[in-house]
C-alpha atoms as a PDB file:
ATOM      1  CA  UNK A   1     -57.834 -22.282  -6.078  1.00  0.00           C
ATOM      2  CA  UNK A   2     -54.077 -22.699  -5.467  1.00  0.00           C
ATOM      3  CA  UNK A   3     -51.741 -20.397  -7.358  1.00  0.00           C
ATOM      4  CA  UNK A   4     -49.311 -21.969  -9.796  1.00  0.00           C
ATOM      5  CA  UNK A   5     -45.581 -21.280  -9.988  1.00  0.00           C
ATOM      6  CA  UNK A   6     -44.878 -18.742 -12.739  1.00  0.00           C
ATOM      7  CA  UNK A   7     -41.105 -18.562 -12.064  1.00  0.00           C
ATOM      8  CA  UNK A   8     -39.130 -21.750 -11.430  1.00  0.00           C
ATOM      9  CA  UNK A   9     -35.354 -21.630 -10.879  1.00  0.00           C
ATOM     10  CA  UNK A  10     -33.517 -24.922 -10.423  1.00  0.00           C
ATOM     11  CA  UNK A  11     -29.861 -25.414  -9.447  1.00  0.00           C
ATOM     12  CA  UNK A  12     -28.826 -22.180 -11.151  1.00  0.00           C
ATOM     13  CA  UNK A  13     -25.080 -21.610 -11.492  1.00  0.00           C
ATOM     14  CA  UNK A  14     -23.252 -18.690 -13.088  1.00  0.00           C
ATOM     15  CA  UNK A  15     -19.471 -18.564 -13.414  1.00  0.00           C
ATOM     16  CA  UNK A  16     -17.270 -15.730 -14.602  1.00  0.00           C
ATOM     17  CA  UNK A  17     -14.049 -17.579 -15.264  1.00  0.00           C
ATOM     18  CA  UNK A  18     -12.825 -18.931 -11.935  1.00  0.00           C
ATOM     19  CA  UNK A  19     -15.294 -16.843  -9.932  1.00  0.00           C
ATOM     20  CA  UNK A  20     -18.672 -18.376  -9.091  1.00  0.00           C
ATOM     21  CA  UNK A  21     -21.305 -15.622  -8.859  1.00  0.00           C
ATOM     22  CA  UNK A  22     -24.349 -17.884  -8.315  1.00  0.00           C
ATOM     23  CA  UNK A  23     -24.044 -21.249  -6.589  1.00  0.00           C
ATOM     24  CA  UNK A  24     -26.791 -23.797  -7.292  1.00  0.00           C
ATOM     25  CA  UNK A  25     -29.723 -21.495  -6.455  1.00  0.00           C
ATOM     26  CA  UNK A  26     -33.275 -22.910  -6.583  1.00  0.00           C
ATOM     27  CA  UNK A  27     -36.577 -21.167  -5.846  1.00  0.00           C
ATOM     28  CA  UNK A  28     -40.096 -20.688  -7.193  1.00  0.00           C
ATOM     29  CA  UNK A  29     -42.445 -17.701  -7.318  1.00  0.00           C
ATOM     30  CA  UNK A  30     -46.223 -18.032  -7.518  1.00  0.00           C
ATOM     31  CA  UNK A  31     -48.536 -15.928  -9.673  1.00  0.00           C
ATOM     32  CA  UNK A  32     -49.419 -12.630  -8.006  1.00  0.00           C
ATOM     33  CA  UNK A  33     -46.671 -12.755  -5.376  1.00  0.00           C
ATOM     34  CA  UNK A  34     -44.401  -9.835  -4.561  1.00  0.00           C
ATOM     35  CA  UNK A  35     -41.127 -11.498  -3.639  1.00  0.00           C
ATOM     36  CA  UNK A  36     -38.039  -9.704  -2.382  1.00  0.00           C
ATOM     37  CA  UNK A  37     -34.478 -10.830  -3.039  1.00  0.00           C
ATOM     38  CA  UNK A  38     -32.335  -9.365  -0.268  1.00  0.00           C
ATOM     39  CA  UNK A  39     -28.566  -9.425  -0.178  1.00  0.00           C
ATOM     40  CA  UNK A  40     -25.500  -7.202   0.101  1.00  0.00           C
ATOM     41  CA  UNK A  41     -23.850  -5.767  -2.996  1.00  0.00           C
ATOM     42  CA  UNK A  42     -22.000  -8.496  -4.864  1.00  0.00           C
ATOM     43  CA  UNK A  43     -24.218 -11.309  -3.552  1.00  0.00           C
ATOM     44  CA  UNK A  44     -25.443 -12.309  -7.034  1.00  0.00           C
ATOM     45  CA  UNK A  45     -28.853 -10.598  -7.086  1.00  0.00           C
ATOM     46  CA  UNK A  46     -28.393  -8.727 -10.362  1.00  0.00           C
ATOM     47  CA  UNK A  47     -26.858 -11.790 -12.026  1.00  0.00           C
ATOM     48  CA  UNK A  48     -29.932 -13.872 -11.178  1.00  0.00           C
ATOM     49  CA  UNK A  49     -32.284 -11.162 -12.479  1.00  0.00           C
ATOM     50  CA  UNK A  50     -30.332 -10.804 -15.728  1.00  0.00           C
ATOM     51  CA  UNK A  51     -30.458 -14.551 -16.310  1.00  0.00           C
ATOM     52  CA  UNK A  52     -34.171 -14.631 -15.522  1.00  0.00           C
ATOM     53  CA  UNK A  53     -34.907 -11.860 -18.021  1.00  0.00           C
ATOM     54  CA  UNK A  54     -32.709 -13.313 -20.777  1.00  0.00           C
ATOM     55  CA  UNK A  55     -29.863 -10.791 -20.639  1.00  0.00           C
ATOM     56  CA  UNK A  56     -27.348 -13.400 -19.460  1.00  0.00           C
ATOM     57  CA  UNK A  57     -26.945 -17.123 -20.014  1.00  0.00           C
ATOM     58  CA  UNK A  58     -26.442 -19.385 -17.034  1.00  0.00           C
ATOM     59  CA  UNK A  59     -23.464 -21.724 -16.731  1.00  0.00           C
ATOM     60  CA  UNK A  60     -25.791 -24.531 -15.662  1.00  0.00           C
ATOM     61  CA  UNK A  61     -29.228 -25.129 -14.175  1.00  0.00           C
ATOM     62  CA  UNK A  62     -32.568 -24.003 -15.557  1.00  0.00           C
ATOM     63  CA  UNK A  63     -34.926 -21.021 -15.342  1.00  0.00           C
ATOM     64  CA  UNK A  64     -38.510 -21.191 -16.590  1.00  0.00           C
ATOM     65  CA  UNK A  65     -41.030 -18.350 -16.614  1.00  0.00           C
ATOM     66  CA  UNK A  66     -44.595 -19.063 -17.598  1.00  0.00           C
ATOM     67  CA  UNK A  67     -43.494 -22.625 -18.316  1.00  0.00           C
ATOM     68  CA  UNK A  68     -41.028 -21.458 -20.986  1.00  0.00           C
ATOM     69  CA  UNK A  69     -37.249 -21.774 -20.708  1.00  0.00           C
ATOM     70  CA  UNK A  70     -35.646 -18.315 -20.601  1.00  0.00           C
ATOM     71  CA  UNK A  71     -33.236 -19.399 -23.333  1.00  0.00           C
ATOM     72  CA  UNK A  72     -36.176 -19.201 -25.758  1.00  0.00           C
ATOM     73  CA  UNK A  73     -37.126 -15.836 -27.241  1.00  0.00           C
ATOM     74  CA  UNK A  74     -40.806 -16.313 -26.335  1.00  0.00           C
ATOM     75  CA  UNK A  75     -39.954 -16.240 -22.634  1.00  0.00           C
ATOM     76  CA  UNK A  76     -38.954 -12.573 -22.843  1.00  0.00           C
ATOM     77  CA  UNK A  77     -42.574 -11.557 -23.408  1.00  0.00           C
ATOM     78  CA  UNK A  78     -43.402 -12.727 -19.893  1.00  0.00           C
ATOM     79  CA  UNK A  79     -41.171 -10.349 -17.939  1.00  0.00           C
ATOM     80  CA  UNK A  80     -40.691  -6.592 -17.837  1.00  0.00           C
ATOM     81  CA  UNK A  81     -37.253  -5.668 -16.495  1.00  0.00           C
ATOM     82  CA  UNK A  82     -36.215  -2.486 -14.678  1.00  0.00           C
ATOM     83  CA  UNK A  83     -32.438  -2.673 -14.110  1.00  0.00           C
ATOM     84  CA  UNK A  84     -30.707  -0.612 -11.461  1.00  0.00           C
ATOM     85  CA  UNK A  85     -29.450   1.949 -13.982  1.00  0.00           C
ATOM     86  CA  UNK A  86     -31.988   1.592 -16.771  1.00  0.00           C
ATOM     87  CA  UNK A  87     -30.570   2.661 -20.173  1.00  0.00           C
ATOM     88  CA  UNK A  88     -32.653   5.693 -21.167  1.00  0.00           C
ATOM     89  CA  UNK A  89     -31.936   7.821 -24.239  1.00  0.00           C
ATOM     90  CA  UNK A  90     -31.658  11.399 -23.033  1.00  0.00           C
ATOM     91  CA  UNK A  91     -32.226  12.972 -26.467  1.00  0.00           C
ATOM     92  CA  UNK A  92     -35.572  11.218 -26.983  1.00  0.00           C
ATOM     93  CA  UNK A  93     -38.867  12.594 -25.778  1.00  0.00           C
ATOM     94  CA  UNK A  94     -40.619  10.384 -23.241  1.00  0.00           C
ATOM     95  CA  UNK A  95     -43.377   9.481 -25.699  1.00  0.00           C
ATOM     96  CA  UNK A  96     -40.848   8.656 -28.435  1.00  0.00           C
ATOM     97  CA  UNK A  97     -38.829   6.487 -26.088  1.00  0.00           C
ATOM     98  CA  UNK A  98     -41.911   4.518 -25.041  1.00  0.00           C
ATOM     99  CA  UNK A  99     -42.955   4.084 -28.694  1.00  0.00           C
ATOM    100  CA  UNK A 100     -39.461   2.800 -29.472  1.00  0.00           C
ATOM    101  CA  UNK A 101     -39.537   0.336 -26.563  1.00  0.00           C
ATOM    102  CA  UNK A 102     -43.061  -0.794 -27.454  1.00  0.00           C
ATOM    103  CA  UNK A 103     -41.940  -1.549 -31.018  1.00  0.00           C
ATOM    104  CA  UNK A 104     -38.979  -3.575 -29.742  1.00  0.00           C
ATOM    105  CA  UNK A 105     -41.439  -5.607 -27.667  1.00  0.00           C
ATOM    106  CA  UNK A 106     -43.720  -6.157 -30.684  1.00  0.00           C
ATOM    107  CA  UNK A 107     -46.421  -3.606 -29.772  1.00  0.00           C
ATOM    108  CA  UNK A 108     -47.131  -1.246 -32.694  1.00  0.00           C
ATOM    109  CA  UNK A 109     -49.744   1.036 -34.191  1.00  0.00           C
ATOM    110  CA  UNK A 110     -52.940   1.716 -32.269  1.00  0.00           C
ATOM    111  CA  UNK A 111     -52.080  -0.970 -29.736  1.00  0.00           C
ATOM    112  CA  UNK A 112     -48.861   0.871 -28.917  1.00  0.00           C
ATOM    113  CA  UNK A 113     -50.681   4.185 -28.536  1.00  0.00           C
ATOM    114  CA  UNK A 114     -53.229   2.653 -26.172  1.00  0.00           C
ATOM    115  CA  UNK A 115     -50.530   0.877 -24.155  1.00  0.00           C
ATOM    116  CA  UNK A 116     -48.430   4.049 -23.798  1.00  0.00           C
ATOM    117  CA  UNK A 117     -51.449   6.099 -22.744  1.00  0.00           C
ATOM    118  CA  UNK A 118     -52.314   3.463 -20.149  1.00  0.00           C
ATOM    119  CA  UNK A 119     -48.848   3.283 -18.549  1.00  0.00           C
ATOM    120  CA  UNK A 120     -48.486   7.074 -18.603  1.00  0.00           C
ATOM    121  CA  UNK A 121     -51.747   7.375 -16.675  1.00  0.00           C
ATOM    122  CA  UNK A 122     -50.748   4.653 -14.229  1.00  0.00           C
ATOM    123  CA  UNK A 123     -47.350   6.244 -13.576  1.00  0.00           C
ATOM    124  CA  UNK A 124     -48.426   9.891 -13.716  1.00  0.00           C
ATOM    125  CA  UNK A 125     -46.287  10.652 -16.775  1.00  0.00           C
ATOM    126  CA  UNK A 126     -48.818  12.629 -18.826  1.00  0.00           C
ATOM    127  CA  UNK A 127     -47.273  15.982 -17.846  1.00  0.00           C
ATOM    128  CA  UNK A 128     -43.788  14.955 -19.024  1.00  0.00           C
ATOM    129  CA  UNK A 129     -44.591  12.835 -22.089  1.00  0.00           C
ATOM    130  CA  UNK A 130     -43.458  15.634 -24.432  1.00  0.00           C
ATOM    131  CA  UNK A 131     -40.210  16.389 -22.576  1.00  0.00           C
ATOM    132  CA  UNK A 132     -36.837  14.928 -23.444  1.00  0.00           C
ATOM    133  CA  UNK A 133     -35.706  12.228 -21.034  1.00  0.00           C
ATOM    134  CA  UNK A 134     -32.534  14.188 -20.213  1.00  0.00           C
ATOM    135  CA  UNK A 135     -34.628  16.954 -18.599  1.00  0.00           C
ATOM    136  CA  UNK A 136     -36.389  14.644 -16.160  1.00  0.00           C
ATOM    137  CA  UNK A 137     -35.725  14.346 -12.431  1.00  0.00           C
ATOM    138  CA  UNK A 138     -34.342  11.100 -11.036  1.00  0.00           C
ATOM    139  CA  UNK A 139     -37.817  10.110  -9.844  1.00  0.00           C
ATOM    140  CA  UNK A 140     -39.443  10.657 -13.243  1.00  0.00           C
ATOM    141  CA  UNK A 141     -36.613   8.804 -14.980  1.00  0.00           C
ATOM    142  CA  UNK A 142     -37.348   5.820 -12.760  1.00  0.00           C
ATOM    143  CA  UNK A 143     -41.038   6.035 -13.662  1.00  0.00           C
ATOM    144  CA  UNK A 144     -40.136   6.050 -17.363  1.00  0.00           C
ATOM    145  CA  UNK A 145     -37.966   2.976 -16.796  1.00  0.00           C
ATOM    146  CA  UNK A 146     -40.929   1.231 -15.164  1.00  0.00           C
ATOM    147  CA  UNK A 147     -43.232   2.380 -17.970  1.00  0.00           C
ATOM    148  CA  UNK A 148     -41.062   0.727 -20.630  1.00  0.00           C
ATOM    149  CA  UNK A 149     -41.205  -2.504 -18.623  1.00  0.00           C
ATOM    150  CA  UNK A 150     -45.006  -2.329 -18.473  1.00  0.00           C
ATOM    151  CA  UNK A 151     -45.701  -1.252 -22.060  1.00  0.00           C
ATOM    152  CA  UNK A 152     -46.273  -4.781 -23.399  1.00  0.00           C
ATOM    153  CA  UNK A 153     -48.366  -5.717 -20.344  1.00  0.00           C
ATOM    154  CA  UNK A 154     -46.154  -8.568 -19.070  1.00  0.00           C
ATOM    155  CA  UNK A 155     -47.404 -10.801 -16.235  1.00  0.00           C
ATOM    156  CA  UNK A 156     -44.041 -10.509 -14.424  1.00  0.00           C
ATOM    157  CA  UNK A 157     -42.141  -7.389 -13.357  1.00  0.00           C
ATOM    158  CA  UNK A 158     -38.506  -7.567 -12.261  1.00  0.00           C
ATOM    159  CA  UNK A 159     -36.957  -4.642 -10.335  1.00  0.00           C
ATOM    160  CA  UNK A 160     -33.279  -4.295  -9.483  1.00  0.00           C
ATOM    161  CA  UNK A 161     -32.680  -1.730  -6.691  1.00  0.00           C
ATOM    162  CA  UNK A 162     -35.778   0.310  -7.698  1.00  0.00           C
ATOM    163  CA  UNK A 163     -35.361   3.047  -5.056  1.00  0.00           C
ATOM    164  CA  UNK A 164     -31.616   3.542  -5.405  1.00  0.00           C
ATOM    165  CA  UNK A 165     -30.628   7.264  -5.326  1.00  0.00           C
ATOM    166  CA  UNK A 166     -34.242   8.460  -4.948  1.00  0.00           C
ATOM    167  CA  UNK A 167     -35.290  11.027  -2.362  1.00  0.00           C
ATOM    168  CA  UNK A 168     -37.747  10.188   0.432  1.00  0.00           C
ATOM    169  CA  UNK A 169     -40.880  11.239  -1.488  1.00  0.00           C
ATOM    170  CA  UNK A 170     -39.777   9.358  -4.599  1.00  0.00           C
ATOM    171  CA  UNK A 171     -39.025   6.233  -2.552  1.00  0.00           C
ATOM    172  CA  UNK A 172     -42.525   6.334  -1.044  1.00  0.00           C
ATOM    173  CA  UNK A 173     -44.062   6.725  -4.512  1.00  0.00           C
ATOM    174  CA  UNK A 174     -42.170   3.765  -6.016  1.00  0.00           C
ATOM    175  CA  UNK A 175     -42.904   1.674  -2.931  1.00  0.00           C
ATOM    176  CA  UNK A 176     -46.639   2.387  -3.194  1.00  0.00           C
ATOM    177  CA  UNK A 177     -46.585   1.587  -6.910  1.00  0.00           C
ATOM    178  CA  UNK A 178     -44.969  -1.816  -6.299  1.00  0.00           C
ATOM    179  CA  UNK A 179     -47.438  -2.630  -3.517  1.00  0.00           C
ATOM    180  CA  UNK A 180     -50.356  -1.661  -5.792  1.00  0.00           C
ATOM    181  CA  UNK A 181     -49.323  -4.401  -8.216  1.00  0.00           C
ATOM    182  CA  UNK A 182     -49.970  -7.167  -5.671  1.00  0.00           C
ATOM    183  CA  UNK A 183     -52.306  -9.759  -7.160  1.00  0.00           C
ATOM    184  CA  UNK A 184     -52.293  -8.088 -10.590  1.00  0.00           C
ATOM    185  CA  UNK A 185     -48.774  -9.121 -11.572  1.00  0.00           C
ATOM    186  CA  UNK A 186     -45.970 -11.194 -10.193  1.00  0.00           C
ATOM    187  CA  UNK A 187     -43.165  -8.967  -8.909  1.00  0.00           C
ATOM    188  CA  UNK A 188     -39.578  -9.904  -8.097  1.00  0.00           C
ATOM    189  CA  UNK A 189     -37.665  -7.031  -6.517  1.00  0.00           C
ATOM    190  CA  UNK A 190     -33.988  -7.118  -5.511  1.00  0.00           C
ATOM    191  CA  UNK A 191     -32.354  -4.744  -3.044  1.00  0.00           C
ATOM    192  CA  UNK A 192     -29.534  -4.517  -0.521  1.00  0.00           C
ATOM    193  CA  UNK A 193     -31.710  -2.253   1.669  1.00  0.00           C
ATOM    194  CA  UNK A 194     -33.438  -4.423   4.258  1.00  0.00           C
ATOM    195  CA  UNK A 195     -36.132  -1.917   5.227  1.00  0.00           C
ATOM    196  CA  UNK A 196     -37.187  -1.329   1.615  1.00  0.00           C
ATOM    197  CA  UNK A 197     -37.626  -5.037   0.901  1.00  0.00           C
ATOM    198  CA  UNK A 198     -39.523  -5.485   4.159  1.00  0.00           C
ATOM    199  CA  UNK A 199     -42.016  -2.754   3.215  1.00  0.00           C
ATOM    200  CA  UNK A 200     -43.015  -4.117  -0.219  1.00  0.00           C
ATOM    201  CA  UNK A 201     -42.510  -7.890  -0.304  1.00  0.00           C
ATOM    202  CA  UNK A 202     -44.914 -10.568   0.926  1.00  0.00           C
ATOM    203  CA  UNK A 203     -42.042 -13.077   0.981  1.00  0.00           C
ATOM    204  CA  UNK A 204     -38.318 -12.418   1.306  1.00  0.00           C
ATOM    205  CA  UNK A 205     -35.427 -14.520   0.017  1.00  0.00           C
ATOM    206  CA  UNK A 206     -31.908 -13.897   1.319  1.00  0.00           C
ATOM    207  CA  UNK A 207     -28.829 -14.250  -0.875  1.00  0.00           C
ATOM    208  CA  UNK A 208     -25.181 -14.059   0.159  1.00  0.00           C
ATOM    209  CA  UNK A 209     -22.044 -14.759  -1.871  1.00  0.00           C
ATOM    210  CA  UNK A 210     -24.119 -16.482  -4.545  1.00  0.00           C
ATOM    211  CA  UNK A 211     -25.851 -18.833  -2.062  1.00  0.00           C
ATOM    212  CA  UNK A 212     -29.576 -18.690  -1.336  1.00  0.00           C
ATOM    213  CA  UNK A 213     -29.733 -18.825   2.464  1.00  0.00           C
ATOM    214  CA  UNK A 214     -33.529 -18.977   2.669  1.00  0.00           C
ATOM    215  CA  UNK A 215     -36.475 -18.725   0.282  1.00  0.00           C
ATOM    216  CA  UNK A 216     -38.737 -17.374   3.038  1.00  0.00           C
ATOM    217  CA  UNK A 217     -37.115 -15.289   5.759  1.00  0.00           C
ATOM    218  CA  UNK A 218     -40.415 -14.769   7.575  1.00  0.00           C
ATOM    219  CA  UNK A 219     -40.902 -18.503   8.087  1.00  0.00           C
ATOM    220  CA  UNK A 220     -37.240 -18.784   8.988  1.00  0.00           C
ATOM    221  CA  UNK A 221     -37.803 -16.282  11.753  1.00  0.00           C
ATOM    222  CA  UNK A 222     -41.032 -17.886  12.983  1.00  0.00           C
ATOM    223  CA  UNK A 223     -39.284 -21.167  13.720  1.00  0.00           C
ATOM    224  CA  UNK A 224     -38.080 -19.681  17.004  1.00  0.00           C
ATOM    225  CA  UNK A 225     -40.832 -17.456  18.448  1.00  0.00           C
ATOM    226  CA  UNK A 226     -39.692 -14.585  20.608  1.00  0.00           C
ATOM    227  CA  UNK A 227     -41.771 -12.934  23.343  1.00  0.00           C
ATOM    228  CA  UNK A 228     -41.541  -9.673  25.250  1.00  0.00           C
ATOM    229  CA  UNK A 229     -42.891  -9.756  28.811  1.00  0.00           C
ATOM    230  CA  UNK A 230     -43.223  -6.950  31.372  1.00  0.00           C
ATOM    231  CA  UNK A 231     -43.178  -8.427  34.864  1.00  0.00           C
ATOM    232  CA  UNK A 232     -43.150  -7.046  38.397  1.00  0.00           C
ATOM    233  CA  UNK A 233     -40.878  -9.061  40.680  1.00  0.00           C
ATOM    234  CA  UNK A 234     -37.280  -9.773  41.727  1.00  0.00           C
ATOM    235  CA  UNK A 235     -35.361 -10.041  38.467  1.00  0.00           C
ATOM    236  CA  UNK A 236     -33.251 -13.074  39.322  1.00  0.00           C
ATOM    237  CA  UNK A 237     -36.298 -15.006  40.526  1.00  0.00           C
ATOM    238  CA  UNK A 238     -38.312 -13.969  37.467  1.00  0.00           C
ATOM    239  CA  UNK A 239     -35.512 -15.084  35.127  1.00  0.00           C
ATOM    240  CA  UNK A 240     -35.196 -18.429  36.943  1.00  0.00           C
ATOM    241  CA  UNK A 241     -38.940 -19.002  36.646  1.00  0.00           C
ATOM    242  CA  UNK A 242     -38.997 -18.178  32.933  1.00  0.00           C
ATOM    243  CA  UNK A 243     -35.986 -20.383  32.177  1.00  0.00           C
ATOM    244  CA  UNK A 244     -37.688 -23.332  33.891  1.00  0.00           C
ATOM    245  CA  UNK A 245     -40.649 -23.238  31.488  1.00  0.00           C
ATOM    246  CA  UNK A 246     -40.494 -26.108  28.981  1.00  0.00           C
ATOM    247  CA  UNK A 247     -39.658 -24.699  25.567  1.00  0.00           C
ATOM    248  CA  UNK A 248     -37.876 -21.557  26.768  1.00  0.00           C
ATOM    249  CA  UNK A 249     -34.472 -21.422  25.104  1.00  0.00           C
ATOM    250  CA  UNK A 250     -33.166 -18.179  26.613  1.00  0.00           C
ATOM    251  CA  UNK A 251     -34.421 -15.313  28.778  1.00  0.00           C
ATOM    252  CA  UNK A 252     -32.806 -12.003  29.580  1.00  0.00           C
ATOM    253  CA  UNK A 253     -33.681  -8.611  30.979  1.00  0.00           C
ATOM    254  CA  UNK A 254     -34.205  -6.170  28.128  1.00  0.00           C
ATOM    255  CA  UNK A 255     -35.181  -3.051  30.089  1.00  0.00           C
ATOM    256  CA  UNK A 256     -35.018  -2.561  33.861  1.00  0.00           C
ATOM    257  CA  UNK A 257     -35.389   0.370  36.207  1.00  0.00           C
ATOM    258  CA  UNK A 258     -31.987   2.153  36.130  1.00  0.00           C
ATOM    259  CA  UNK A 259     -31.572   2.278  39.929  1.00  0.00           C
ATOM    260  CA  UNK A 260     -32.938  -1.188  40.760  1.00  0.00           C
ATOM    261  CA  UNK A 261     -30.673  -3.980  41.958  1.00  0.00           C
ATOM    262  CA  UNK A 262     -30.882  -7.505  40.597  1.00  0.00           C
ATOM    263  CA  UNK A 263     -32.788  -8.743  43.667  1.00  0.00           C
ATOM    264  CA  UNK A 264     -35.113  -5.788  44.154  1.00  0.00           C
ATOM    265  CA  UNK A 265     -38.803  -5.947  43.294  1.00  0.00           C
ATOM    266  CA  UNK A 266     -39.262  -3.781  40.222  1.00  0.00           C
ATOM    267  CA  UNK A 267     -40.946  -3.753  36.846  1.00  0.00           C
ATOM    268  CA  UNK A 268     -38.680  -4.990  34.070  1.00  0.00           C
ATOM    269  CA  UNK A 269     -39.091  -6.030  30.452  1.00  0.00           C
ATOM    270  CA  UNK A 270     -37.830  -9.498  29.563  1.00  0.00           C
ATOM    271  CA  UNK A 271     -36.961 -10.886  26.143  1.00  0.00           C
ATOM    272  CA  UNK A 272     -37.597 -14.628  25.859  1.00  0.00           C
ATOM    273  CA  UNK A 273     -36.479 -16.903  23.010  1.00  0.00           C
ATOM    274  CA  UNK A 274     -38.545 -20.085  22.721  1.00  0.00           C
ATOM    275  CA  UNK A 275     -38.787 -23.262  20.704  1.00  0.00           C
ATOM    276  CA  UNK A 276     -41.861 -23.760  18.532  1.00  0.00           C
ATOM    277  CA  UNK A 277     -44.401 -25.618  20.644  1.00  0.00           C
ATOM    278  CA  UNK A 278     -48.129 -25.248  21.412  1.00  0.00           C
ATOM    279  CA  UNK A 279     -49.255 -23.127  24.389  1.00  0.00           C
ATOM    280  CA  UNK A 280     -45.800 -21.732  25.104  1.00  0.00           C
ATOM    281  CA  UNK A 281     -47.262 -18.275  25.796  1.00  0.00           C
ATOM    282  CA  UNK A 282     -49.895 -19.692  28.165  1.00  0.00           C
ATOM    283  CA  UNK A 283     -47.259 -21.755  29.995  1.00  0.00           C
ATOM    284  CA  UNK A 284     -45.061 -18.699  30.519  1.00  0.00           C
ATOM    285  CA  UNK A 285     -48.011 -16.665  31.807  1.00  0.00           C
ATOM    286  CA  UNK A 286     -49.004 -19.435  34.234  1.00  0.00           C
ATOM    287  CA  UNK A 287     -45.429 -19.714  35.481  1.00  0.00           C
ATOM    288  CA  UNK A 288     -45.138 -15.982  36.116  1.00  0.00           C
ATOM    289  CA  UNK A 289     -48.453 -15.737  37.972  1.00  0.00           C
ATOM    290  CA  UNK A 290     -47.944 -19.076  39.741  1.00  0.00           C
ATOM    291  CA  UNK A 291     -44.643 -17.804  41.167  1.00  0.00           C
ATOM    292  CA  UNK A 292     -46.437 -14.805  42.627  1.00  0.00           C
ATOM    293  CA  UNK A 293     -45.222 -12.208  40.144  1.00  0.00           C
ATOM    294  CA  UNK A 294     -47.427  -9.658  38.385  1.00  0.00           C
ATOM    295  CA  UNK A 295     -47.613 -10.006  34.591  1.00  0.00           C
ATOM    296  CA  UNK A 296     -48.192  -6.575  33.030  1.00  0.00           C
ATOM    297  CA  UNK A 297     -47.613  -7.508  29.376  1.00  0.00           C
ATOM    298  CA  UNK A 298     -46.916 -10.538  27.174  1.00  0.00           C
ATOM    299  CA  UNK A 299     -46.420  -9.906  23.455  1.00  0.00           C
ATOM    300  CA  UNK A 300     -45.146 -12.205  20.727  1.00  0.00           C
ATOM    301  CA  UNK A 301     -42.740 -10.186  18.625  1.00  0.00           C
ATOM    302  CA  UNK A 302     -43.020 -10.333  14.867  1.00  0.00           C
ATOM    303  CA  UNK A 303     -40.100 -12.011  13.097  1.00  0.00           C
ATOM    304  CA  UNK A 304     -37.228  -9.558  13.064  1.00  0.00           C
ATOM    305  CA  UNK A 305     -35.862  -9.598   9.515  1.00  0.00           C
ATOM    306  CA  UNK A 306     -32.605  -8.025  10.630  1.00  0.00           C
ATOM    307  CA  UNK A 307     -32.103 -10.756  13.232  1.00  0.00           C
ATOM    308  CA  UNK A 308     -32.946 -13.488  10.704  1.00  0.00           C
ATOM    309  CA  UNK A 309     -30.517 -11.990   8.183  1.00  0.00           C
ATOM    310  CA  UNK A 310     -27.690 -11.763  10.706  1.00  0.00           C
ATOM    311  CA  UNK A 311     -28.319 -15.274  12.050  1.00  0.00           C
ATOM    312  CA  UNK A 312     -28.385 -16.828   8.578  1.00  0.00           C
ATOM    313  CA  UNK A 313     -25.287 -15.035   7.350  1.00  0.00           C
ATOM    314  CA  UNK A 314     -23.424 -15.893  10.565  1.00  0.00           C
ATOM    315  CA  UNK A 315     -24.302 -19.582  10.205  1.00  0.00           C
ATOM    316  CA  UNK A 316     -23.302 -19.538   6.527  1.00  0.00           C
ATOM    317  CA  UNK A 317     -19.914 -17.998   7.404  1.00  0.00           C
ATOM    318  CA  UNK A 318     -19.334 -20.527  10.190  1.00  0.00           C
ATOM    319  CA  UNK A 319     -20.217 -23.417   7.862  1.00  0.00           C
ATOM    320  CA  UNK A 320     -17.684 -22.237   5.256  1.00  0.00           C
ATOM    321  CA  UNK A 321     -14.925 -21.825   7.837  1.00  0.00           C
ATOM    322  CA  UNK A 322     -15.643 -25.288   9.220  1.00  0.00           C
END
């Protein structure tokens, strides 16, 4: 059964006076997805999240979550929000803070007690529930911030830079928590750290200067498959043979024996950019063997998110200059 879109953003614009922070952004997120929003600081990520969760009003465009416009109060019950620097009250005990947040979200009495117990178990907060928030480590503070977002059991969770300023162990813990939510809730997580987004998200959107460059960086990367081949033969002849294969866009030596000349017979690793077409790998293999060279390895490389990001941002910059 196909999943339905639980978040729908259409032509979203946000202006701060003369400055445009978000420029006509549109995207959709399906139920159960973990989607990453990747972009450098100042790209508009936090602005989009604040509009989506009802903390800011857009200048134009529309945002619907669970079929409800975010301008309506009812929409706020759909999303739990963990901002980059979540406002926690240091003088409150953890349990008191969660009771306070549950009441704000309309969860009271026995229901609140059960909800708090559940999130404390899920986030391993039982040992600190009686401590004041101000005494907690940075990692536990982040867990409390996530707990308040979960306390009313929303179908959507929104994270803004969730691993910022955490140590390595804390980062791993938050990363595993986000991954564990796959299928149970819809998660939208924003970060400027490419490797963190890559480790948790099933789909990655890239934002720059308020423009959405792609809603799926993985598919963006797969449009031009790249292969790594290890071949024994004269390098110039090998390169000529590879470049003559229909669909090969570019071929270059990636790693060669340090003392070998260009015309010597040696084992080298070649990086080949190709166009998307059927049987391109088989055609390259046949060409290599047919030319009398030995093919030691042929591997299709997974889409390189860093390469996709750099290519997209370069093209966006060139388009603006033009």
